[in-house]
Amino acid sequence: MMKRLLVGLVVTGLALGLIWPSGFVAAEEKLSVPHYGVAEFSLEYPTGGLKDPFSMVKLRAVVTTPSGKQHNVGGFYAGPNKIQLRYMAAEVGDYSLAVSVSGPSGPRETSFAFTSRPSDLPGLLRRHPENSYRLMDEKTSQLVNLQGFNNTWDIDPNNPHGGQLGNYIEDGVWTPLETYFKTYARAGFNAFRWIPGNSKKFSIYTRDQYQLEKADELLRTAKEQGYHVILALFPANGYQGDAPTNPQQEKRLKQRIDEVVNRYVAYVDLWELTNESYSKSISDAWLRYTAEYLRSIDPYQRLILNSNPRPDDWTYLDARAPHFYDNYLDEKSKID
C-alpha cells in the first residue's frame, strides 16, 4: 500500500498544502523565507487514539544549508494528526531537508527545499572574538547593545475567550501584542526576555495545545518585530534536580528540553537556564549538565546564560546574566 504524507509549508503568510505519493513533496514555486526568518512545515501523521502523541510520534530532519553544513533538528506534535517542524534560516541561499517521522502508524519519509533571501532581521548574538565581554550580531559583525524588557503576559482581559495576547504600556490601558512590541521598538528596545513561569494563562510546560499556541504567538511576534529573544527555560528550582545522577529524572529532563527546543529554537537568540536560581534551589551539577545537553542538541549553538552568578559558572556558561533591581543599589549609586 502506498503511503502518503501531507505537508503544509507556512512562512510569512505563504501556505501550501500538498499530497504526493511515496512521501515525496514538490512545489511549483520554491518556498522563500527572509534571512534569519523562520520556515515552518506541517506534516500529517495519524495520532488518533494515542495516549501521548507528544512523545509517541517523532520527527527528525537533516537540514543541509547553502554552505553545505548539516543540522539535525526535531519536530513537535501540533494537534490531531499534525506534526510540525520549524527552522531558522541563518544563511542566504538554497536549503534542502530530508524528513523522517516515526510512530505507531509506521515510518514516513519526505523531502523538500526552500530558499532564504536577504532581509533586515538581526542575526544571532555571539561573543565578540576580540572582546568576550561584548556581544555582536553574527550577520553584520557589529557590536550589539541590548536594551531589553521582561514582563508577564495574559490574554485580553476584555475578551478572555478570544485569546488575543497583549499587555499594558500605560496603567489600565491594554495594548495588543504586535502594537506593544512596535511601541517598545520605537523607544529603542531590541531584546525580549520571557520566563514562562511569569505567565498566568499559557506556558511551554504543558500538553495543552491552546497554551502552546499562545507561546508560539508571543515568541513569533517578537521575532518578526526584530527582537533578540531570551528564553528562560526553567524556574528557580529547575526541573528534575537529581537528573545528573538519577536515570529516571535524567530521561524526564531531556524530554522536557527536547520538547522546548524542537518547538521554539527557531525563535530564540539566547538561552537562560533558570530564573534567579541559587545553590540551595538547584545544584551546580544540574546547571552544568543542562547546559551541556542543551548545547549538544541546539543546531545553532546559541549562547547559554544563567542569572545569579556562581563561582565556577564560567566553566559551562557562555555569559552571565545577573539580575539587578533598584533595591539592590545603595542610595549613592542610584540613577535619577
Protein backbone atom coordinates (compact mmCIF):
# COMPACT_ATOMS: atom_id res chain seq x y z
CA MET A 1 0.00 0.00 0.00
CA MET A 2 1.40 3.37 -0.98
CA LYS A 3 1.89 5.68 1.99
CA ARG A 4 1.16 9.35 1.62
CA LEU A 5 2.31 12.27 3.70
CA LEU A 6 0.58 15.64 3.78
CA VAL A 7 2.93 18.59 4.06
CA GLY A 8 1.98 22.22 4.53
CA LEU A 9 4.60 24.93 4.20
CA VAL A 10 3.94 28.12 6.15
CA VAL A 11 6.02 31.28 6.35
CA THR A 12 5.18 34.98 6.45
CA GLY A 13 1.68 34.39 5.16
CA LEU A 14 2.54 31.80 2.48
CA ALA A 15 0.86 28.42 2.89
CA LEU A 16 1.00 25.40 0.61
CA GLY A 17 -0.77 22.10 1.29
CA LEU A 18 0.45 19.24 -0.88
CA ILE A 19 0.00 15.46 -1.09
CA TRP A 20 2.45 13.41 -3.13
CA PRO A 21 2.81 9.62 -3.39
CA SER A 22 5.63 7.73 -1.71
CA GLY A 23 6.12 10.51 0.80
CA PHE A 24 7.94 12.91 -1.53
CA VAL A 25 6.92 16.54 -1.69
CA ALA A 26 7.30 19.04 -4.50
CA ALA A 27 6.10 22.56 -5.19
CA GLU A 28 5.74 24.59 -8.35
CA GLU A 29 7.40 27.56 -6.63
CA LYS A 30 10.17 27.18 -4.06
CA LEU A 31 9.34 28.47 -0.62
CA SER A 32 11.17 31.72 0.20
CA VAL A 33 11.91 32.99 3.70
CA PRO A 34 13.82 36.06 4.90
CA HIS A 35 17.38 35.67 6.17
CA TYR A 36 17.07 34.79 9.88
CA GLY A 37 13.37 34.26 9.35
CA VAL A 38 11.55 31.04 10.23
CA ALA A 39 10.25 28.40 7.82
CA GLU A 40 7.50 26.18 9.22
CA PHE A 41 6.45 22.82 7.79
CA SER A 42 3.30 20.91 8.77
CA LEU A 43 3.07 17.17 8.18
CA GLU A 44 0.06 14.90 8.52
CA TYR A 45 0.50 11.74 10.61
CA PRO A 46 -2.21 9.63 12.33
CA THR A 47 -2.37 10.40 16.06
CA GLY A 48 -5.93 9.38 16.91
CA GLY A 49 -6.16 7.18 20.00
CA LEU A 50 -2.58 7.78 21.10
CA LYS A 51 -2.17 8.24 24.85
CA ASP A 52 0.68 10.74 24.49
CA PRO A 53 1.31 11.81 20.89
CA PHE A 54 3.85 14.37 22.14
CA SER A 55 6.26 11.56 22.94
CA MET A 56 4.95 8.70 20.78
CA VAL A 57 5.38 10.42 17.40
CA LYS A 58 8.87 11.66 16.49
CA LEU A 59 10.00 13.86 13.63
CA ARG A 60 13.65 14.26 12.72
CA ALA A 61 15.11 16.24 9.84
CA VAL A 62 18.55 16.67 8.36
CA VAL A 63 18.85 20.20 7.01
CA THR A 64 21.57 20.97 4.51
CA THR A 65 22.41 24.67 4.43
CA PRO A 66 23.66 26.71 1.45
CA SER A 67 27.25 26.37 2.72
CA GLY A 68 26.93 22.58 2.99
CA LYS A 69 26.56 22.36 6.77
CA GLN A 70 24.12 19.79 8.09
CA HIS A 71 21.85 20.37 11.06
CA ASN A 72 19.84 17.67 12.81
CA VAL A 73 16.59 19.16 14.09
CA GLY A 74 13.43 17.79 15.65
CA GLY A 75 9.74 18.44 15.19
CA PHE A 76 6.80 18.54 17.57
CA TYR A 77 3.21 17.40 17.92
CA ALA A 78 0.95 20.30 16.93
CA GLY A 79 -2.54 18.86 17.28
CA PRO A 80 -4.62 15.95 15.98
CA ASN A 81 -2.84 14.25 13.07
CA LYS A 82 -0.36 17.10 12.69
CA ILE A 83 3.40 17.25 13.27
CA GLN A 84 5.37 20.43 12.68
CA LEU A 85 8.95 21.47 12.06
CA ARG A 86 10.45 24.95 12.41
CA TYR A 87 13.79 26.06 11.11
CA MET A 88 15.57 29.42 11.21
CA ALA A 89 17.48 30.33 8.06
CA ALA A 90 20.84 31.63 9.27
CA GLU A 91 22.35 31.63 5.76
CA VAL A 92 21.21 33.15 2.46
CA GLY A 93 20.63 30.65 -0.33
CA ASP A 94 19.08 27.25 -1.00
CA TYR A 95 18.27 24.66 1.68
CA SER A 96 17.26 21.02 1.41
CA LEU A 97 15.60 18.93 4.10
CA ALA A 98 15.29 15.17 4.49
CA VAL A 99 12.49 14.42 6.95
CA SER A 100 11.50 11.20 8.68
CA VAL A 101 8.58 10.59 11.01
CA SER A 102 8.27 7.56 13.28
CA GLY A 103 5.34 6.41 15.40
CA PRO A 104 2.76 3.69 15.95
CA SER A 105 1.46 4.02 12.36
CA GLY A 106 4.89 3.22 10.96
CA PRO A 107 7.70 5.30 9.45
CA ARG A 108 7.18 8.01 6.86
CA GLU A 109 9.73 9.97 4.87
CA THR A 110 9.67 13.10 2.75
CA SER A 111 12.00 15.75 1.39
CA PHE A 112 11.63 19.36 0.36
CA ALA A 113 13.56 22.56 -0.22
CA PHE A 114 13.36 26.29 0.39
CA THR A 115 15.45 29.37 -0.18
CA SER A 116 16.44 32.25 2.09
CA ARG A 117 16.61 35.81 0.80
CA PRO A 118 18.38 38.89 2.28
CA SER A 119 16.41 40.71 4.97
CA ASP A 120 16.65 43.36 7.68
CA LEU A 121 16.12 40.87 10.52
CA PRO A 122 19.01 40.81 13.02
CA GLY A 123 21.38 37.85 13.20
CA LEU A 124 22.06 35.67 16.22
CA LEU A 125 24.09 37.12 19.06
CA ARG A 126 27.67 35.93 19.52
CA ARG A 127 30.57 36.90 21.77
CA HIS A 128 32.90 39.32 20.06
CA PRO A 129 36.12 37.49 19.07
CA GLU A 130 38.34 40.33 20.34
CA ASN A 131 36.38 41.19 23.49
CA SER A 132 34.49 38.39 25.22
CA TYR A 133 32.62 40.95 27.35
CA ARG A 134 30.79 42.31 24.31
CA LEU A 135 28.10 40.84 22.08
CA MET A 136 27.92 41.17 18.33
CA ASP A 137 25.46 40.39 15.58
CA GLU A 138 26.84 37.41 13.65
CA LYS A 139 25.31 38.69 10.40
CA THR A 140 26.86 42.16 10.48
CA SER A 141 29.75 41.58 12.95
CA GLN A 142 28.65 44.84 14.61
CA LEU A 143 28.58 45.27 18.38
CA VAL A 144 25.12 44.97 19.92
CA ASN A 145 23.95 46.88 22.96
CA LEU A 146 20.89 45.10 24.31
CA GLN A 147 18.02 47.24 25.56
CA GLY A 148 15.55 44.70 26.82
CA PHE A 149 12.45 44.17 28.89
CA ASN A 150 10.77 41.34 30.73
CA ASN A 151 7.06 41.20 31.50
CA THR A 152 4.20 38.91 32.43
CA TRP A 153 1.65 38.05 29.77
CA ASP A 154 -2.06 37.36 29.69
CA ILE A 155 -4.94 37.19 27.26
CA ASP A 156 -7.10 40.24 26.55
CA PRO A 157 -8.95 40.91 29.85
CA ASN A 158 -11.87 42.44 27.92
CA ASN A 159 -12.23 39.39 25.67
CA PRO A 160 -10.77 36.44 27.59
CA HIS A 161 -12.29 33.82 25.32
CA GLY A 162 -10.92 35.42 22.18
CA GLY A 163 -7.39 34.58 23.22
CA GLN A 164 -5.80 37.80 21.98
CA LEU A 165 -2.42 38.42 23.60
CA GLY A 166 -1.39 41.84 24.82
CA ASN A 167 -0.04 43.83 27.73
CA TYR A 168 -0.09 47.21 29.45
CA ILE A 169 2.06 50.15 28.39
CA GLU A 170 0.17 52.69 30.47
CA ASP A 171 -1.69 51.95 33.70
CA GLY A 172 -5.03 50.42 32.84
CA VAL A 173 -4.52 50.63 29.05
CA TRP A 174 -4.30 47.20 27.46
CA THR A 175 -2.41 47.03 24.15
CA PRO A 176 -2.49 44.20 21.55
CA LEU A 177 0.70 42.18 21.22
CA GLU A 178 2.01 43.50 17.88
CA THR A 179 1.34 47.12 18.86
CA TYR A 180 3.00 46.51 22.20
CA PHE A 181 6.24 45.25 20.61
CA LYS A 182 6.25 48.00 17.98
CA THR A 183 5.86 50.67 20.66
CA TYR A 184 8.85 49.40 22.63
CA ALA A 185 10.89 49.05 19.44
CA ARG A 186 10.28 52.72 18.62
CA ALA A 187 11.63 53.54 22.08
CA GLY A 188 14.89 51.73 21.29
CA PHE A 189 14.24 48.30 22.83
CA ASN A 190 15.71 45.35 20.92
CA ALA A 191 15.60 42.41 23.38
CA PHE A 192 12.71 40.50 24.89
CA ARG A 193 13.12 38.05 27.78
CA TRP A 194 10.44 35.57 28.71
CA ILE A 195 10.21 33.20 31.64
CA PRO A 196 7.07 31.08 31.09
CA GLY A 197 6.53 30.83 34.84
CA ASN A 198 5.62 34.54 34.79
CA SER A 199 2.57 33.94 32.58
CA LYS A 200 -0.79 33.17 34.12
CA LYS A 201 -2.73 31.82 31.17
CA PHE A 202 -0.25 29.97 28.99
CA SER A 203 3.04 28.14 29.28
CA ILE A 204 5.51 25.92 27.45
CA TYR A 205 5.42 23.32 30.26
CA THR A 206 2.10 21.81 29.28
CA ARG A 207 0.28 19.40 26.97
CA ASP A 208 -2.44 22.00 26.38
CA GLN A 209 -2.27 22.97 22.70
CA TYR A 210 -4.05 26.28 23.30
CA GLN A 211 -1.37 27.41 25.73
CA LEU A 212 1.44 26.18 23.48
CA GLU A 213 -0.01 28.08 20.54
CA LYS A 214 -0.20 31.26 22.64
CA ALA A 215 3.50 30.81 23.43
CA ASP A 216 4.10 30.32 19.69
CA GLU A 217 2.34 33.61 19.01
CA LEU A 218 4.27 35.51 21.66
CA LEU A 219 7.73 34.40 20.52
CA ARG A 220 6.89 34.54 16.82
CA THR A 221 5.68 38.13 17.10
CA ALA A 222 8.79 39.19 19.00
CA LYS A 223 10.96 37.53 16.34
CA GLU A 224 9.06 39.13 13.46
CA GLN A 225 9.41 42.54 15.10
CA GLY A 226 13.21 42.16 15.12
CA TYR A 227 13.76 41.45 18.82
CA HIS A 228 16.53 39.28 20.22
CA VAL A 229 14.59 36.70 22.24
CA ILE A 230 15.95 35.45 25.57
CA LEU A 231 14.08 32.36 26.78
CA ALA A 232 14.47 31.28 30.40
CA LEU A 233 13.95 27.54 30.35
CA PHE A 234 13.17 26.78 33.98
CA PRO A 235 12.10 28.48 37.23
CA ALA A 236 14.45 28.95 40.18
CA ASN A 237 14.19 25.33 41.32
CA GLY A 238 14.95 23.97 37.86
CA TYR A 239 13.33 20.68 36.88
CA GLN A 240 14.21 17.13 37.93
CA GLY A 241 17.00 18.38 40.16
CA ASP A 242 18.73 15.00 40.56
CA ALA A 243 18.94 14.38 36.79
CA PRO A 244 22.77 14.22 36.71
CA THR A 245 22.71 11.11 38.93
CA ASN A 246 19.16 9.73 38.58
CA PRO A 247 18.40 7.98 35.25
CA GLN A 248 14.62 8.43 35.54
CA GLN A 249 14.95 12.14 36.23
CA GLU A 250 17.58 12.46 33.50
CA LYS A 251 15.13 10.98 30.99
CA ARG A 252 12.35 13.37 32.03
CA LEU A 253 14.66 16.39 31.94
CA LYS A 254 15.93 15.51 28.45
CA GLN A 255 12.37 15.02 27.20
CA ARG A 256 11.34 18.43 28.57
CA ILE A 257 14.34 20.17 26.98
CA ASP A 258 13.80 18.32 23.68
CA GLU A 259 10.18 19.44 23.51
CA VAL A 260 11.01 23.09 24.22
CA VAL A 261 13.96 23.19 21.82
CA ASN A 262 12.10 21.44 18.99
CA ARG A 263 9.19 23.86 19.21
CA TYR A 264 10.88 27.17 20.00
CA VAL A 265 14.54 27.00 18.99
CA ALA A 266 13.89 28.86 15.73
CA TYR A 267 12.63 31.92 17.64
CA VAL A 268 15.31 32.11 20.34
CA ASP A 269 18.61 34.07 20.42
CA LEU A 270 19.83 33.31 23.94
CA TRP A 271 19.04 30.52 26.41
CA GLU A 272 18.82 31.31 30.11
CA LEU A 273 18.89 28.09 32.12
CA THR A 274 16.91 29.25 35.15
CA ASN A 275 15.20 32.32 36.50
CA GLU A 276 17.12 33.61 39.54
CA SER A 277 18.19 30.28 40.97
CA TYR A 278 20.54 29.82 43.93
CA SER A 279 22.72 26.92 45.00
CA LYS A 280 20.07 25.96 47.56
CA SER A 281 17.37 25.77 44.87
CA ILE A 282 19.32 23.93 42.17
CA SER A 283 22.84 22.47 42.13
CA ASP A 284 25.85 23.48 40.06
CA ALA A 285 25.95 19.90 38.76
CA TRP A 286 22.41 20.30 37.38
CA LEU A 287 23.27 23.60 35.69
CA ARG A 288 26.38 22.12 34.11
CA TYR A 289 24.54 19.00 32.93
CA THR A 290 21.64 21.01 31.49
CA ALA A 291 23.97 23.44 29.70
CA GLU A 292 25.95 20.61 28.14
CA TYR A 293 22.85 18.74 26.98
CA LEU A 294 21.25 21.89 25.58
CA ARG A 295 24.44 22.71 23.71
CA SER A 296 24.54 19.20 22.24
CA ILE A 297 21.09 19.50 20.59
CA ASP A 298 20.94 23.17 19.58
CA PRO A 299 21.78 23.29 15.85
CA TYR A 300 22.65 26.99 16.06
CA GLN A 301 24.83 26.76 19.19
CA ARG A 302 23.21 29.75 20.85
CA LEU A 303 24.84 31.37 23.84
CA ILE A 304 23.78 29.89 27.19
CA LEU A 305 23.32 32.16 30.21
CA ASN A 306 22.12 31.97 33.78
CA SER A 307 21.04 34.57 36.30
CA ASN A 308 22.62 34.91 39.76
CA PRO A 309 26.33 34.23 39.10
CA ARG A 310 28.17 31.36 40.81
CA PRO A 311 31.93 30.95 41.40
CA ASP A 312 32.59 28.34 38.68
CA ASP A 313 29.75 29.02 36.25
CA TRP A 314 32.17 30.42 33.69
CA THR A 315 33.30 26.81 33.05
CA TYR A 316 29.94 25.83 31.49
CA LEU A 317 28.19 29.11 30.60
CA ASP A 318 28.87 31.37 27.63
CA ALA A 319 27.93 34.50 29.56
CA ARG A 320 26.40 35.63 32.83
CA ALA A 321 23.08 37.47 33.03
CA PRO A 322 22.77 38.81 36.59
CA HIS A 323 19.51 40.47 37.56
CA PHE A 324 19.75 43.80 39.33
CA TYR A 325 16.83 45.51 41.00
CA ASP A 326 16.56 49.07 42.24
CA ASN A 327 16.52 47.97 45.87
CA TYR A 328 19.86 46.20 45.35
CA LEU A 329 21.60 49.54 44.93
CA ASP A 330 22.63 51.89 47.67
CA GLU A 331 21.41 55.44 47.63
CA LYS A 332 24.68 56.85 46.26
CA SER A 333 24.70 54.57 43.21
CA LYS A 334 21.09 55.17 42.16
CA ILE A 335 20.50 57.00 38.90
CA ASP A 336 17.78 59.64 38.78
